[in-house]
N, C-alpha and C. Protein backbone atom coordinates (compact mmCIF):
# COMPACT_ATOMS: atom_id res chain seq x y z
N UNK A 1 -14.54 -5.98 6.09
CA UNK A 1 -13.82 -5.02 5.91
C UNK A 1 -13.00 -5.20 8.04
N UNK A 2 -11.84 -4.85 7.54
CA UNK A 2 -11.48 -5.65 9.25
C UNK A 2 -10.81 -4.12 8.94
N UNK A 3 -10.74 -3.07 8.07
CA UNK A 3 -9.88 -2.11 8.38
C UNK A 3 -9.94 -0.69 7.66
N UNK A 4 -10.39 0.00 8.64
CA UNK A 4 -10.32 1.69 7.77
C UNK A 4 -9.82 2.52 7.52
N UNK A 5 -9.24 2.51 5.38
CA UNK A 5 -8.09 3.11 5.85
C UNK A 5 -8.31 4.56 5.80
N UNK A 6 -7.67 5.73 5.94
CA UNK A 6 -7.96 6.65 5.96
C UNK A 6 -6.75 7.59 5.22
N UNK A 7 -6.68 8.87 3.84
CA UNK A 7 -5.59 9.19 3.46
C UNK A 7 -5.19 10.17 4.25
N UNK A 8 -4.16 10.14 4.85
CA UNK A 8 -3.38 11.63 5.26
C UNK A 8 -3.56 12.50 4.08
N UNK A 9 -3.22 14.51 4.86
CA UNK A 9 -3.07 15.08 3.86
C UNK A 9 -2.26 15.08 2.91
N UNK A 10 -0.98 13.82 3.49
CA UNK A 10 0.34 14.24 2.93
C UNK A 10 0.00 12.49 1.41
N UNK A 11 0.25 12.92 0.38
CA UNK A 11 -0.34 11.40 -0.31
C UNK A 11 0.76 10.67 -0.56
N UNK A 12 0.23 9.57 -0.34
CA UNK A 12 1.33 8.47 0.27
C UNK A 12 1.18 7.86 1.93
N UNK A 13 0.65 8.61 3.00
CA UNK A 13 0.56 8.41 4.17
C UNK A 13 -0.87 7.68 4.14
N UNK A 14 -1.48 6.89 5.06
CA UNK A 14 -1.98 6.44 5.64
C UNK A 14 -2.50 6.34 7.47
N UNK A 15 -3.84 6.45 7.49
CA UNK A 15 -3.62 6.46 9.00
C UNK A 15 -5.03 5.42 8.81
N UNK A 16 -4.65 3.84 9.07
CA UNK A 16 -5.79 2.29 9.30
C UNK A 16 -6.31 2.09 10.62
N UNK A 17 -7.37 2.43 10.36
CA UNK A 17 -8.16 1.69 11.65
C UNK A 17 -8.25 0.72 11.99
N UNK A 18 -7.59 -0.63 12.52
CA UNK A 18 -8.24 -2.26 12.63
C UNK A 18 -10.02 -2.12 12.37
N UNK A 19 -10.37 -3.04 12.52
CA UNK A 19 -11.47 -3.81 13.69
C UNK A 19 -11.55 -4.38 14.75
N UNK A 20 -11.81 -3.41 15.88
CA UNK A 20 -11.41 -4.28 16.86
C UNK A 20 -12.58 -5.18 17.89
N UNK A 21 -12.57 -6.86 18.13
CA UNK A 21 -13.10 -6.70 18.28
C UNK A 21 -12.98 -6.94 19.69
N UNK A 22 -14.49 -6.70 21.01
CA UNK A 22 -13.19 -6.54 22.28
C UNK A 22 -15.20 -7.45 23.36
N UNK A 23 -14.54 -8.32 24.25
CA UNK A 23 -15.46 -8.68 25.61
C UNK A 23 -14.79 -8.44 26.62
N UNK A 24 -15.73 -9.20 27.32
CA UNK A 24 -14.92 -9.10 29.16
C UNK A 24 -13.74 -9.65 29.00
N UNK A 25 -12.90 -10.68 28.11
CA UNK A 25 -12.13 -10.50 28.54
C UNK A 25 -10.42 -10.05 27.85
N UNK A 26 -10.76 -9.43 26.87
CA UNK A 26 -9.63 -7.99 26.43
C UNK A 26 -10.66 -7.97 24.78
N UNK A 27 -9.57 -7.96 24.09
CA UNK A 27 -9.84 -8.03 22.88
C UNK A 27 -8.98 -9.16 21.73
N UNK A 28 -9.43 -8.83 20.15
CA UNK A 28 -9.26 -9.19 19.16
C UNK A 28 -8.65 -8.29 18.50
N UNK A 29 -7.99 -7.58 17.21
CA UNK A 29 -7.60 -6.84 16.30
C UNK A 29 -6.71 -7.65 15.23
N UNK A 30 -6.89 -7.99 13.65
CA UNK A 30 -5.88 -8.24 12.30
C UNK A 30 -5.29 -6.46 12.69
N UNK A 31 -3.48 -6.02 13.14
CA UNK A 31 -2.54 -5.28 12.59
C UNK A 31 -2.42 -5.23 11.11
N UNK A 32 -2.08 -6.74 10.66
CA UNK A 32 -1.65 -6.69 9.39
C UNK A 32 -2.27 -7.45 8.31
N UNK A 33 -2.64 -7.78 6.57
CA UNK A 33 -3.66 -8.47 6.34
C UNK A 33 -2.47 -8.10 5.03
N UNK A 34 -1.64 -8.43 3.78
CA UNK A 34 -1.80 -7.69 2.87
C UNK A 34 -2.35 -7.93 2.15
N UNK A 35 -3.51 -8.72 2.00
CA UNK A 35 -4.52 -8.51 0.66
C UNK A 35 -5.95 -7.13 0.81
N UNK A 36 -6.17 -7.62 2.32
CA UNK A 36 -7.07 -5.90 2.83
C UNK A 36 -5.89 -4.74 2.67
N UNK A 37 -4.58 -5.05 3.02
CA UNK A 37 -4.12 -3.30 2.35
C UNK A 37 -3.58 -3.28 0.85
N UNK A 38 -3.08 -3.79 0.45
CA UNK A 38 -3.69 -4.64 -0.91
C UNK A 38 -4.53 -3.88 -1.76
N UNK A 39 -5.71 -4.39 -1.17
CA UNK A 39 -6.65 -3.59 -1.68
C UNK A 39 -6.93 -2.38 -2.04
N UNK A 40 -6.72 -1.59 -0.70
CA UNK A 40 -6.62 -0.63 -0.38
C UNK A 40 -5.26 0.60 -1.30
N UNK A 41 -4.68 -0.43 -2.16
CA UNK A 41 -3.71 0.44 -2.55
C UNK A 41 -2.16 0.70 -1.62
N UNK A 42 -2.22 -0.03 -0.47
CA UNK A 42 -0.65 0.09 -0.49
C UNK A 42 0.22 -1.46 -0.65
N UNK A 43 1.27 -0.95 -1.24
CA UNK A 43 1.90 -2.67 -1.10
C UNK A 43 2.86 -2.63 -0.67
N UNK A 44 3.47 -2.99 -0.10
CA UNK A 44 4.59 -3.29 1.01
C UNK A 44 5.01 -4.76 1.40
N UNK A 45 6.99 -4.63 1.22
CA UNK A 45 6.42 -7.07 0.97
C UNK A 45 7.51 -6.57 2.51
N UNK A 46 7.47 -6.32 3.89
CA UNK A 46 7.52 -6.46 5.31
C UNK A 46 8.50 -7.47 5.50
N UNK A 47 9.48 -7.22 5.46
CA UNK A 47 10.59 -7.76 5.76
C UNK A 47 11.45 -8.27 6.90
N UNK A 48 11.07 -6.93 7.97
CA UNK A 48 11.36 -6.84 9.44
C UNK A 48 10.41 -6.29 10.60
N UNK A 49 10.42 -6.73 11.73
CA UNK A 49 9.73 -6.22 12.59
C UNK A 49 10.71 -5.60 13.40
N UNK A 50 10.52 -4.57 14.22
CA UNK A 50 11.09 -3.88 15.47
C UNK A 50 10.21 -2.91 16.54
N UNK A 51 10.62 -3.77 17.61
CA UNK A 51 9.99 -2.78 18.62
C UNK A 51 11.30 -2.11 19.61
N UNK A 52 10.68 -1.05 19.80
CA UNK A 52 11.19 0.42 21.08
C UNK A 52 10.03 0.26 22.38
N UNK A 53 10.71 0.58 23.34
CA UNK A 53 10.00 0.20 24.41
C UNK A 53 10.80 1.58 24.82
N UNK A 54 9.65 2.45 25.28
CA UNK A 54 10.57 4.01 26.18
C UNK A 54 10.03 4.47 27.21
N UNK A 55 10.94 4.28 28.25
CA UNK A 55 10.21 4.04 29.64
C UNK A 55 9.74 4.96 30.51
N UNK A 56 9.98 6.64 29.77
CA UNK A 56 9.81 7.31 30.61
C UNK A 56 8.89 8.54 29.16
N UNK A 57 7.96 8.78 29.70
CA UNK A 57 6.92 9.87 28.99
C UNK A 57 7.79 11.11 27.97
N UNK A 58 7.93 11.74 26.91
CA UNK A 58 8.96 12.37 26.72
C UNK A 58 9.78 12.18 26.49
N UNK A 59 10.04 11.11 25.83
CA UNK A 59 11.61 10.52 25.20
C UNK A 59 10.44 11.11 23.53
N UNK A 60 12.00 11.04 23.15
CA UNK A 60 11.52 11.67 21.40
C UNK A 60 13.15 11.05 20.21
N UNK A 61 12.52 10.13 19.21
CA UNK A 61 12.42 9.44 18.96
C UNK A 61 12.62 9.88 16.84
N UNK A 62 14.07 9.70 17.02
CA UNK A 62 13.90 10.46 15.20
C UNK A 62 14.22 12.40 15.28
N UNK A 63 13.48 11.97 13.89
CA UNK A 63 13.45 12.20 12.37
C UNK A 63 14.38 11.05 12.46
N UNK A 64 14.07 9.87 11.66
CA UNK A 64 15.29 9.07 10.82
C UNK A 64 14.27 8.89 9.74
N UNK A 65 15.70 8.29 8.50
CA UNK A 65 15.36 7.59 6.88
C UNK A 65 16.22 7.11 6.99
N UNK A 66 16.28 5.97 5.27
CA UNK A 66 17.61 5.23 4.99
C UNK A 66 17.42 6.20 3.67
N UNK A 67 18.48 6.78 3.20
CA UNK A 67 18.59 7.17 1.94
C UNK A 67 18.55 5.85 1.27
N UNK A 68 18.19 6.33 -0.53
CA UNK A 68 18.11 5.16 -1.32
C UNK A 68 19.18 4.63 -1.43
N UNK A 69 19.66 2.57 -1.37
CA UNK A 69 18.48 2.32 -2.44
C UNK A 69 18.17 1.38 -1.02
N UNK A 70 18.62 1.85 0.45
CA UNK A 70 17.58 0.96 1.14
C UNK A 70 16.72 2.10 1.35
N UNK A 71 15.54 2.99 1.10
CA UNK A 71 14.60 3.46 1.72
C UNK A 71 13.97 2.45 2.55
N UNK A 72 13.01 2.86 2.83
CA UNK A 72 12.05 1.89 4.33
C UNK A 72 10.58 2.27 3.86
N UNK A 73 9.52 1.58 3.66
CA UNK A 73 8.38 1.61 4.22
C UNK A 73 8.07 1.65 5.64
N UNK A 74 7.45 2.25 6.21
CA UNK A 74 6.96 1.42 7.15
C UNK A 74 5.52 1.74 7.50
N UNK A 75 5.20 0.41 8.20
CA UNK A 75 4.06 0.94 9.19
C UNK A 75 4.20 0.17 11.06
N UNK A 76 3.43 1.86 11.31
CA UNK A 76 3.33 1.85 12.67
C UNK A 76 2.59 1.51 13.78
N UNK A 77 2.83 1.11 15.13
CA UNK A 77 1.42 0.94 15.62
C UNK A 77 2.25 0.53 17.14
N UNK A 78 0.97 1.49 18.02
CA UNK A 78 2.04 2.01 18.96
C UNK A 78 1.14 0.33 20.31
N UNK A 79 1.43 -0.05 20.94
CA UNK A 79 0.85 -1.75 21.57
C UNK A 79 1.05 -1.10 23.14
N UNK A 80 1.41 0.35 23.42
CA UNK A 80 1.51 0.55 25.10
C UNK A 80 1.51 1.22 25.54
N UNK A 81 0.98 1.86 25.51
CA UNK A 81 0.94 3.55 25.39
C UNK A 81 0.30 4.22 24.67
N UNK A 82 0.43 6.10 25.02
CA UNK A 82 0.42 6.64 23.75
C UNK A 82 2.02 7.37 23.38
N UNK A 83 1.91 7.63 21.73
CA UNK A 83 2.72 8.60 21.16
C UNK A 83 2.20 9.95 20.48
N UNK A 84 3.13 10.68 19.76
CA UNK A 84 2.29 11.99 18.82
C UNK A 84 3.30 11.04 17.91
N UNK A 85 3.05 10.77 16.90
CA UNK A 85 4.00 9.92 15.41
C UNK A 85 3.62 10.94 14.27
N UNK A 86 4.98 11.00 14.10
CA UNK A 86 5.56 12.28 12.75
C UNK A 86 5.82 11.94 11.60
N UNK A 87 5.78 11.97 10.69
CA UNK A 87 5.84 11.65 9.14
C UNK A 87 6.56 12.94 8.02
N UNK A 88 7.53 13.37 7.97
CA UNK A 88 8.28 14.33 6.87
C UNK A 88 8.43 13.88 5.72
N UNK A 89 8.30 14.65 4.82
CA UNK A 89 7.76 14.30 2.97
C UNK A 89 9.16 14.72 3.14
N UNK A 90 10.43 13.70 2.87
CA UNK A 90 11.42 14.02 1.98
C UNK A 90 11.64 13.19 0.74
N UNK A 91 10.55 13.26 -0.10
CA UNK A 91 10.60 13.15 -1.83
C UNK A 91 11.26 14.00 -2.16
N UNK A 92 12.24 13.67 -2.99
CA UNK A 92 12.39 14.47 -4.39
C UNK A 92 11.45 14.83 -5.14
N UNK A 93 11.77 16.42 -5.59
CA UNK A 93 10.40 17.01 -6.49
C UNK A 93 8.64 16.98 -6.10
N UNK A 94 8.84 16.19 -4.42
CA UNK A 94 7.44 16.21 -4.40
C UNK A 94 6.83 17.86 -3.75
N UNK A 95 5.12 18.33 -4.34
CA UNK A 95 4.57 19.31 -4.07
C UNK A 95 5.05 19.62 -2.17
N UNK A 96 5.00 18.36 -1.69
CA UNK A 96 4.89 18.89 0.04
C UNK A 96 6.45 18.51 0.56
N UNK A 97 7.27 17.77 -0.66
CA UNK A 97 8.48 18.00 0.32
C UNK A 97 8.60 19.19 1.52
N UNK A 98 8.88 18.41 2.64
CA UNK A 98 8.87 20.21 4.34
C UNK A 98 8.21 19.64 4.86
N UNK A 99 7.01 19.13 4.24
CA UNK A 99 5.35 19.42 5.63
C UNK A 99 5.66 18.26 5.98
N UNK A 100 4.47 18.50 6.64
CA UNK A 100 4.80 16.95 7.76
C UNK A 100 3.05 16.75 7.92
N UNK A 101 2.99 15.49 8.70
CA UNK A 101 1.47 15.12 9.53
C UNK A 101 1.88 14.57 11.21
N UNK A 102 1.22 14.62 12.02
CA UNK A 102 1.31 14.17 13.12
C UNK A 102 -0.38 14.16 13.64
N UNK A 103 0.15 12.34 13.96
CA UNK A 103 -0.89 12.01 14.59
C UNK A 103 -0.49 10.78 15.34
N UNK A 104 -1.80 11.20 16.53
CA UNK A 104 -1.66 10.36 18.21
C UNK A 104 -1.63 8.71 17.63
N UNK A 105 -0.98 7.78 17.90
CA UNK A 105 -1.24 6.33 18.25
C UNK A 105 -1.35 5.43 19.83
N UNK A 106 -2.21 4.96 20.02
CA UNK A 106 -2.28 4.39 21.40
C UNK A 106 -3.20 3.05 21.12
N UNK A 107 -2.40 2.61 22.40
CA UNK A 107 -2.84 1.39 22.62
C UNK A 107 -4.17 1.28 23.12
N UNK A 108 -4.88 2.14 22.96
CA UNK A 108 -6.19 1.97 23.55
C UNK A 108 -7.36 2.46 22.91
N UNK A 109 -6.78 3.21 21.90
CA UNK A 109 -7.47 3.32 20.51
C UNK A 109 -6.96 2.50 19.24
N UNK A 110 -6.63 1.10 18.97
CA UNK A 110 -5.65 1.08 17.72
C UNK A 110 -5.75 1.73 16.78
N UNK A 111 -4.42 2.18 16.60
CA UNK A 111 -4.79 2.85 14.44
C UNK A 111 -3.07 2.53 14.35
N UNK A 112 -3.05 2.95 13.45
CA UNK A 112 -1.67 2.49 12.68
C UNK A 112 -1.16 3.16 11.46
N UNK A 113 -0.14 3.77 12.11
CA UNK A 113 1.14 4.74 10.35
C UNK A 113 1.18 3.79 9.15
N UNK A 114 0.78 4.39 8.38
CA UNK A 114 1.26 3.82 7.14
C UNK A 114 2.44 5.18 7.02
N UNK A 115 3.19 4.61 6.63
CA UNK A 115 4.70 5.69 6.20
C UNK A 115 5.31 5.61 4.48
N UNK A 116 4.96 6.05 3.67
CA UNK A 116 5.65 5.38 2.18
C UNK A 116 7.73 5.57 2.84
N UNK A 117 8.00 5.02 1.56
CA UNK A 117 9.42 5.19 1.56
C UNK A 117 9.18 6.93 1.03
N UNK A 118 10.32 7.58 1.16
CA UNK A 118 11.14 8.92 1.04
C UNK A 118 10.73 10.08 2.63
N UNK A 119 10.17 8.69 3.45
CA UNK A 119 9.45 10.12 4.61
C UNK A 119 10.77 10.07 5.67
N UNK A 120 10.81 10.68 6.46
CA UNK A 120 10.79 10.78 7.65
C UNK A 120 10.11 10.58 9.06
N UNK A 121 10.60 9.70 9.81
CA UNK A 121 9.49 9.41 10.69
C UNK A 121 9.96 9.71 12.53
N UNK A 122 9.48 9.37 13.27
CA UNK A 122 9.90 9.89 14.47
C UNK A 122 8.27 9.91 14.89
N UNK A 123 8.83 9.71 16.98
CA UNK A 123 7.61 9.67 17.83
C UNK A 123 7.73 10.55 18.84
N UNK A 124 6.91 10.60 19.68
CA UNK A 124 7.26 11.22 20.87
C UNK A 124 6.69 10.44 22.23
N UNK A 125 6.60 10.27 23.23
CA UNK A 125 6.27 9.08 23.94
C UNK A 125 5.52 9.91 24.93
N UNK A 126 4.04 10.32 25.13
CA UNK A 126 2.83 11.06 26.05
C UNK A 126 3.39 10.02 27.35
N UNK A 127 3.20 8.91 27.01
CA UNK A 127 3.11 8.34 28.25
C UNK A 127 3.93 7.50 29.10
N UNK A 128 4.70 7.10 30.13
CA UNK A 128 5.30 6.25 30.80
C UNK A 128 4.92 4.47 29.68
N UNK A 129 6.47 4.10 30.06
CA UNK A 129 6.26 2.44 28.97
C UNK A 129 6.01 2.71 27.87
N UNK A 130 6.11 3.22 27.56
CA UNK A 130 5.50 3.20 25.77
C UNK A 130 6.37 1.34 25.41
N UNK A 131 5.73 1.58 23.84
CA UNK A 131 5.89 0.42 23.21
C UNK A 131 5.36 0.57 21.68
N UNK A 132 6.43 1.17 20.91
CA UNK A 132 6.33 1.22 19.45
C UNK A 132 6.74 0.40 19.05
N UNK A 133 5.76 -0.76 18.02
CA UNK A 133 6.34 -1.94 17.05
C UNK A 133 5.98 -1.10 15.69
N UNK A 134 6.62 -1.65 15.23
CA UNK A 134 7.18 -0.93 13.19
C UNK A 134 7.34 -2.03 12.54
N UNK A 135 6.65 -2.41 11.60
CA UNK A 135 7.04 -3.04 10.70
C UNK A 135 7.84 -2.22 9.12
N UNK A 136 9.04 -3.00 8.48
CA UNK A 136 9.42 -2.32 7.51
C UNK A 136 9.24 -3.38 6.39
N UNK A 137 9.88 -2.25 4.97
CA UNK A 137 10.13 -3.54 3.61
C UNK A 137 11.52 -3.63 3.49
N UNK A 138 12.04 -3.12 4.41
CA UNK A 138 13.45 -2.95 3.81
C UNK A 138 14.60 -3.82 5.19
N UNK A 139 15.20 -4.22 5.17
CA UNK A 139 16.62 -4.09 6.31
C UNK A 139 16.82 -2.66 6.86
N UNK A 140 17.46 -2.95 7.98
CA UNK A 140 18.27 -1.84 8.72
C UNK A 140 19.64 -1.48 8.22
N UNK A 141 20.32 -1.20 7.72
CA UNK A 141 21.34 -0.88 6.84
C UNK A 141 22.10 1.07 6.86
N UNK A 142 23.42 0.44 8.23
CA UNK A 142 23.48 1.50 8.59
C UNK A 142 24.51 2.57 8.53
N UNK A 143 24.95 2.15 6.98
CA UNK A 143 25.31 3.27 6.05
C UNK A 143 24.27 4.00 5.20
N UNK A 144 23.26 3.46 5.18
CA UNK A 144 22.02 4.36 4.47
C UNK A 144 20.99 5.17 5.46
N UNK A 145 21.71 5.44 6.47
CA UNK A 145 20.47 6.19 7.87
C UNK A 145 20.81 7.03 7.78
N UNK A 146 20.24 8.11 7.99
CA UNK A 146 19.64 9.17 7.99
C UNK A 146 18.79 10.29 8.66
N UNK A 147 18.78 11.42 9.27
CA UNK A 147 17.88 11.84 9.49
C UNK A 147 17.69 13.16 10.11
N UNK A 148 16.84 13.73 10.62
CA UNK A 148 16.66 15.44 10.76
C UNK A 148 16.46 15.83 11.54
N UNK A 149 16.74 17.53 11.88
CA UNK A 149 16.17 18.08 13.12
C UNK A 149 14.78 18.19 13.24
N UNK A 150 14.79 17.37 14.69
CA UNK A 150 13.45 17.10 15.07
C UNK A 150 12.96 18.78 15.40
N UNK A 151 13.43 19.67 15.81
CA UNK A 151 13.80 20.26 16.39
C UNK A 151 13.49 22.25 14.99
N UNK A 152 13.73 21.47 13.97
CA UNK A 152 14.23 22.71 12.57
C UNK A 152 12.59 23.57 12.64
N UNK A 153 12.95 24.51 12.73
CA UNK A 153 12.00 25.63 12.95
C UNK A 153 10.86 25.22 11.61
N UNK A 154 11.84 25.37 10.33
CA UNK A 154 11.47 24.75 8.76
C UNK A 154 10.19 23.73 9.20
N UNK A 155 10.19 22.86 9.78
CA UNK A 155 9.07 21.49 9.87
C UNK A 155 7.78 22.47 10.61
N UNK A 156 7.89 22.91 11.19
CA UNK A 156 6.61 23.82 12.18
C UNK A 156 5.58 22.89 12.81
N UNK A 157 6.49 21.65 13.18
CA UNK A 157 5.95 20.36 14.36
C UNK A 157 5.80 21.26 15.27
N UNK A 158 4.83 20.64 16.33
CA UNK A 158 3.77 21.22 16.50
C UNK A 158 3.83 20.43 18.20
N UNK A 159 5.30 19.38 18.78
CA UNK A 159 5.67 19.15 19.42
C UNK A 159 5.02 19.02 20.99
N UNK A 160 4.37 17.92 21.44
CA UNK A 160 4.05 18.52 22.87
C UNK A 160 4.61 18.11 24.47
N UNK A 161 5.57 18.62 23.87
CA UNK A 161 6.54 17.80 24.96
C UNK A 161 7.66 19.71 24.64
N UNK A 162 8.09 19.81 25.41
CA UNK A 162 9.48 21.40 24.94
C UNK A 162 10.39 21.41 24.98
N UNK A 163 10.96 20.58 25.53
CA UNK A 163 12.40 19.82 26.39
C UNK A 163 12.75 18.09 26.08
N UNK A 164 12.16 17.48 25.27
CA UNK A 164 12.73 16.06 25.73
C UNK A 164 13.49 14.88 25.49
N UNK A 165 13.20 13.28 26.21
CA UNK A 165 14.33 13.32 25.83
C UNK A 165 15.51 12.63 24.88
N UNK A 166 16.50 13.31 24.82
CA UNK A 166 16.80 13.11 23.21
C UNK A 166 18.05 11.78 22.89
N UNK A 167 18.43 11.13 22.27
CA UNK A 167 19.56 10.12 22.50
C UNK A 167 20.60 11.88 20.89
N UNK A 168 21.85 11.29 21.79
CA UNK A 168 23.03 12.43 20.96
C UNK A 168 22.55 11.78 19.67
N UNK A 169 22.40 11.30 19.04
CA UNK A 169 22.30 10.96 17.78
C UNK A 169 21.53 12.00 17.06
N UNK A 170 19.99 11.37 17.70
CA UNK A 170 18.99 12.41 17.77
C UNK A 170 19.74 14.36 17.86
N UNK A 171 19.84 14.27 18.82
CA UNK A 171 19.90 15.45 18.92
C UNK A 171 20.76 16.29 17.73
N UNK A 172 21.99 15.40 17.08
CA UNK A 172 22.66 16.50 16.68
C UNK A 172 22.73 16.38 14.67
N UNK A 173 21.31 15.64 14.57
CA UNK A 173 20.19 15.43 13.18
C UNK A 173 20.63 16.85 12.25
N UNK A 174 20.95 17.00 10.99
CA UNK A 174 20.40 19.07 10.66
C UNK A 174 19.42 18.97 9.92
N UNK A 175 18.65 20.40 10.00
CA UNK A 175 18.17 20.48 9.12
C UNK A 175 17.97 20.43 8.06
N UNK A 176 16.50 20.98 7.89
CA UNK A 176 16.46 19.99 6.50
C UNK A 176 17.12 21.04 5.69
N UNK A 177 17.11 22.29 5.70
CA UNK A 177 17.64 23.28 4.12
C UNK A 177 19.38 22.46 4.69
N UNK A 178 19.61 21.96 5.03
CA UNK A 178 21.12 20.83 4.95
C UNK A 178 21.05 19.58 4.39
N UNK A 179 19.90 18.28 3.72
CA UNK A 179 19.18 17.72 2.82
C UNK A 179 19.60 18.06 1.47
N UNK A 180 20.41 17.01 1.27
CA UNK A 180 20.26 17.01 -0.58
C UNK A 180 18.72 17.04 -1.06
N UNK A 181 18.25 18.17 -1.83
CA UNK A 181 17.03 18.26 -2.41
C UNK A 181 17.03 16.81 -3.31
């Protein structure tokens, strides 16, 4: 099997480690294969690929989500540099609502994070020139866009950079208590 699927502490979140074939030339890996992911219980019809390049260490993008009916599942990987990647459960009625999982994703140790619908997602760059690529199972819908305050004490996220570089939009998202349950 070309992937190792590791369920994380919140149901639905999965860390995926691809098999990497390396030699003196570099390496090769599969980053997505529908049949293998479906065999592991991950079903998503990805329709859009996104790439975000961050020039500096300490750039924080998030925490973002799309509201229903435009919610998106994501398959996230870092293809250059390293990021601290976070997913927060926002699913109504979920026993883990408001809890988060954080993982480091790195180009040097390839792994992917599957984030199901109903989660806020964001990441903090740990190196200059970080590149994050992710697949989504629904197109971006501006009217459905939402966000969550990255520094909400109720989330308890231990971001490894204290004063991140943020967009004005990401600086203004509300805390969890102000989101509809």
